[in-house]
C-alpha cells in the first residue's frame, strides 16, 4: 500500500549560497551567516581573472602575442 507523505513546512527555511547562508523563520525573522573564507576566495578569483584579461588586452594592443 502506497501512502503519500504529508507536506510539512520545515522551519527555519535555509537557503545556501557560495558565501552566504540565509535562515528564514516562521515569524519572518531572518539570519544571515557569512562564510568569510569563501567570500575572500571569490573576490581573489574575480581580481585574478580581471587582471589576466587586462594583461591580455595590453599585449593585443601592440600586436604581440602574450608572453608566458
Protein backbone atom coordinates (compact mmCIF):
# COMPACT_ATOMS: atom_id res chain seq x y z
CA UNK A 1 0.00 0.00 0.00
CA UNK A 2 1.41 3.36 -1.06
CA UNK A 3 0.88 6.37 1.13
CA UNK A 4 1.67 9.98 0.39
CA UNK A 5 3.99 11.91 2.61
CA UNK A 6 2.38 14.87 4.23
CA UNK A 7 3.87 18.12 3.02
CA UNK A 8 5.02 19.80 6.19
CA UNK A 9 6.83 23.09 6.05
CA UNK A 10 10.16 22.77 7.80
CA UNK A 11 11.28 25.82 9.75
CA UNK A 12 13.65 27.53 9.52
CA UNK A 13 13.91 27.63 5.74
CA UNK A 14 17.57 27.57 4.79
CA UNK A 15 18.97 28.98 1.54
CA UNK A 16 22.66 28.31 0.96
CA UNK A 17 24.83 30.23 -1.46
CA UNK A 18 28.55 30.21 -2.14
CA UNK A 19 29.40 32.52 0.71
CA UNK A 20 26.09 33.32 2.40
CA UNK A 21 23.52 31.22 4.24
CA UNK A 22 20.09 32.73 4.89
CA UNK A 23 17.78 31.29 7.55
CA UNK A 24 14.18 32.50 7.48
CA UNK A 25 11.98 31.65 10.46
CA UNK A 26 8.23 31.24 10.59
CA UNK A 27 7.76 34.62 12.29
CA UNK A 28 9.63 36.38 9.44
CA UNK A 29 12.90 36.75 11.36
CA UNK A 30 15.92 36.35 9.08
CA UNK A 31 19.51 35.45 9.98
CA UNK A 32 22.49 35.83 7.66
CA UNK A 33 25.61 33.73 8.09
CA UNK A 34 28.65 34.75 6.04
CA UNK A 35 31.44 32.37 5.07
CA UNK A 36 34.37 34.79 5.03
CA UNK A 37 36.84 32.33 3.52
CA UNK A 38 34.55 31.52 0.58
CA UNK A 39 33.84 35.22 0.01
CA UNK A 40 37.54 36.07 0.03
CA UNK A 41 38.25 33.23 -2.42
CA UNK A 42 35.56 34.53 -4.81
CA UNK A 43 36.94 38.07 -4.62
CA UNK A 44 40.53 36.94 -5.22
CA UNK A 45 39.43 34.79 -8.17
CA UNK A 46 37.50 37.69 -9.71
CA UNK A 47 40.50 40.00 -9.33
CA UNK A 48 42.85 37.44 -10.88
CA UNK A 49 40.54 36.94 -13.88
CA UNK A 50 40.20 40.70 -14.36
CA UNK A 51 43.97 41.25 -14.22
CA UNK A 52 44.60 38.39 -16.67
CA UNK A 53 42.14 39.93 -19.15
CA UNK A 54 43.76 43.36 -18.78
CA UNK A 55 47.22 41.87 -19.38
CA UNK A 56 45.96 40.06 -22.46
CA UNK A 57 44.37 43.25 -23.82
CA UNK A 58 47.63 45.13 -23.24
CA UNK A 59 49.67 42.74 -25.37
CA UNK A 60 46.99 42.53 -28.10
CA UNK A 61 47.03 46.33 -28.33
CA UNK A 62 50.60 46.19 -29.61
CA UNK A 63 50.07 43.13 -31.82
CA UNK A 64 52.27 40.96 -29.60
CA UNK A 65 51.28 37.50 -28.52
CA UNK A 66 51.08 37.20 -24.76
CA UNK A 67 54.27 36.15 -23.03
CA UNK A 68 54.23 33.01 -20.99
